[in-house]
Amino acid sequence: MWLLMLEAGGAGLVLIFIVWWTMFASPKPYHPPSLNDAETPQPDDEQRQEPHH
C-alpha cells in the first residue's frame, strides 16, 4: 500500500513540475520599438557626464 502512495506522490510532483515549467519558463514576449522611441531627444555631448581622468 505504501508503494502505491509513494508512486502517486511522485506522479503528483512530476505533474506539478510540468505545470510550473510551462507557466514560468516561457520566453518573454517581444515588443518592437515604437516610432515614438526614435523621436525622443538624446542628450547632447555637453550634457553627458563622463568621468574625468
Protein backbone atom coordinates (compact mmCIF):
# COMPACT_ATOMS: atom_id res chain seq x y z
CA MET A 1 0.00 0.00 0.00
CA TRP A 2 2.81 2.42 0.85
CA LEU A 3 4.34 1.76 -2.56
CA LEU A 4 1.15 2.91 -4.29
CA MET A 5 1.09 6.08 -2.18
CA LEU A 6 4.75 6.75 -2.98
CA GLU A 7 4.13 6.28 -6.69
CA ALA A 8 1.04 8.53 -6.61
CA GLY A 9 3.02 11.21 -4.77
CA GLY A 10 5.84 11.02 -7.31
CA ALA A 11 3.39 11.32 -10.19
CA GLY A 12 1.80 14.35 -8.48
CA LEU A 13 5.18 16.02 -8.08
CA VAL A 14 6.01 15.39 -11.73
CA LEU A 15 2.65 16.90 -12.74
CA ILE A 16 3.23 19.98 -10.59
CA PHE A 17 6.74 20.39 -12.01
CA ILE A 18 5.48 20.18 -15.61
CA VAL A 19 2.77 22.78 -14.95
CA TRP A 20 5.27 25.09 -13.21
CA TRP A 21 7.80 24.68 -16.03
CA THR A 22 5.29 25.54 -18.75
CA MET A 23 3.87 28.53 -16.87
CA PHE A 24 7.06 30.31 -15.86
CA ALA A 25 9.70 29.16 -18.36
CA SER A 26 8.05 30.67 -21.43
CA PRO A 27 10.07 33.27 -23.38
CA LYS A 28 9.30 36.91 -22.81
CA PRO A 29 7.05 38.48 -25.45
CA TYR A 30 8.85 40.64 -27.98
CA HIS A 31 7.64 44.23 -28.21
CA PRO A 32 9.12 46.02 -31.23
CA PRO A 33 10.21 49.60 -30.58
CA SER A 34 7.55 52.11 -31.46
CA LEU A 35 8.12 55.11 -33.67
CA ASN A 36 7.91 57.43 -30.66
CA ASP A 37 11.05 55.88 -29.18
CA ALA A 38 13.11 57.07 -32.17
CA GLU A 39 11.87 60.63 -31.74
CA THR A 40 12.93 61.03 -28.12
CA PRO A 41 15.73 63.58 -27.82
CA GLN A 42 19.13 62.22 -26.89
CA PRO A 43 21.39 64.17 -24.53
CA ASP A 44 24.00 66.37 -26.20
CA ASP A 45 27.71 65.77 -25.75
CA GLU A 46 27.95 68.69 -23.30
CA GLN A 47 25.18 67.27 -21.11
CA ARG A 48 26.74 63.81 -20.84
CA GLN A 49 28.68 63.30 -17.67
CA GLU A 50 31.81 61.31 -18.36
CA PRO A 51 34.46 60.52 -15.78
CA HIS A 52 37.49 62.80 -15.88
CA HIS A 53 40.88 61.12 -15.91
